[in-house]
Amino acid sequence: MGIVHSYIRYSSKRQKKGSSERRQLENGDKWIKREGHVLTKEYLDSGVSGLRGRNKHVGALSKFLEHIATGRVKPNEILLVEA
């Protein structure tokens, strides 16, 4: 059993109106249950581009990286990303 942190991201308003967030959450939940893991936290970057790495400096991914640096996220915990 592993501890999972789920990272949901999409870049555009069009994607927010669509099913991007719901799809990522549902598929992530299925994987977590199938593999017998436990979800501890969800990180959501709505409208934050990942193309040039902006999400590394702004938003939820930057918070996740901070949690690694400060020890809140422990070694061997899992970051679940759709693609």
Protein backbone atom coordinates (compact mmCIF):
# COMPACT_ATOMS: atom_id res chain seq x y z
CA MET A 1 0.00 0.00 0.00
CA GLY A 2 1.36 3.38 -0.99
CA ILE A 3 0.55 6.95 -0.09
CA VAL A 4 -0.65 8.86 -3.17
CA HIS A 5 -0.74 12.56 -3.94
CA SER A 6 -2.91 13.28 -6.98
CA TYR A 7 -1.94 16.09 -9.36
CA ILE A 8 -4.72 17.40 -11.63
CA ARG A 9 -3.83 20.00 -14.25
CA TYR A 10 -5.37 21.59 -17.28
CA SER A 11 -4.43 24.80 -19.02
CA SER A 12 -7.47 26.38 -20.60
CA LYS A 13 -10.90 27.70 -19.69
CA ARG A 14 -12.33 25.42 -22.38
CA GLN A 15 -10.91 22.40 -20.57
CA LYS A 16 -12.36 23.64 -17.26
CA LYS A 17 -15.83 23.71 -18.82
CA GLY A 18 -15.31 20.21 -20.19
CA SER A 19 -14.62 16.94 -18.46
CA SER A 20 -10.85 17.23 -17.92
CA GLU A 21 -10.93 17.59 -14.14
CA ARG A 22 -13.68 15.01 -13.63
CA ARG A 23 -11.96 12.51 -15.93
CA GLN A 24 -8.60 12.86 -14.18
CA LEU A 25 -10.20 12.50 -10.73
CA GLU A 26 -12.25 9.45 -11.72
CA ASN A 27 -9.39 7.67 -13.47
CA GLY A 28 -7.06 8.43 -10.58
CA ASP A 29 -9.54 7.10 -8.03
CA LYS A 30 -9.94 3.88 -10.04
CA TRP A 31 -6.17 3.37 -10.22
CA ILE A 32 -5.70 4.08 -6.51
CA LYS A 33 -8.40 1.56 -5.54
CA ARG A 34 -7.20 -1.07 -8.03
CA GLU A 35 -3.60 -0.84 -6.75
CA GLY A 36 -4.63 -0.75 -3.08
CA HIS A 37 -3.14 2.68 -2.34
CA VAL A 38 -4.42 5.52 -0.17
CA LEU A 39 -5.04 9.04 -1.45
CA THR A 40 -3.71 11.63 0.96
CA LYS A 41 -3.90 14.91 -0.95
CA GLU A 42 -5.07 16.34 -4.27
CA TYR A 43 -3.21 19.17 -5.95
CA LEU A 44 -5.14 21.10 -8.62
CA ASP A 45 -3.67 23.51 -11.16
CA SER A 46 -6.63 24.95 -13.02
CA GLY A 47 -5.55 27.13 -15.93
CA VAL A 48 -1.81 26.84 -15.17
CA SER A 49 0.28 25.87 -18.18
CA GLY A 50 2.77 23.05 -17.96
CA LEU A 51 4.23 23.65 -21.43
CA ARG A 52 7.16 25.81 -20.35
CA GLY A 53 7.22 24.72 -16.70
CA ARG A 54 5.20 27.61 -15.26
CA ASN A 55 3.40 25.13 -13.02
CA LYS A 56 6.74 24.35 -11.33
CA HIS A 57 6.88 27.93 -10.01
CA VAL A 58 3.20 28.86 -9.60
CA GLY A 59 0.29 26.92 -8.17
CA ALA A 60 -0.21 23.45 -6.80
CA LEU A 61 2.82 21.73 -8.32
CA SER A 62 5.09 24.32 -6.73
CA LYS A 63 3.35 23.59 -3.41
CA PHE A 64 3.96 19.85 -3.88
CA LEU A 65 7.66 20.51 -4.54
CA GLU A 66 7.79 22.67 -1.41
CA HIS A 67 6.21 19.81 0.57
CA ILE A 68 8.98 17.50 -0.65
CA ALA A 69 11.66 20.02 0.37
CA THR A 70 10.17 20.47 3.84
CA GLY A 71 9.60 16.76 4.45
CA ARG A 72 5.79 16.82 4.40
CA VAL A 73 5.98 14.46 1.42
CA LYS A 74 8.10 11.47 2.37
CA PRO A 75 10.36 9.31 0.18
CA ASN A 76 8.49 6.57 -1.72
CA GLU A 77 5.19 8.43 -1.69
CA ILE A 78 3.55 8.55 -5.12
CA LEU A 79 2.63 11.55 -7.27
CA LEU A 80 -0.20 10.44 -9.56
CA VAL A 81 -0.35 12.33 -12.87
CA GLU A 82 -2.61 11.43 -15.78
CA ALA A 83 -0.06 11.93 -18.57
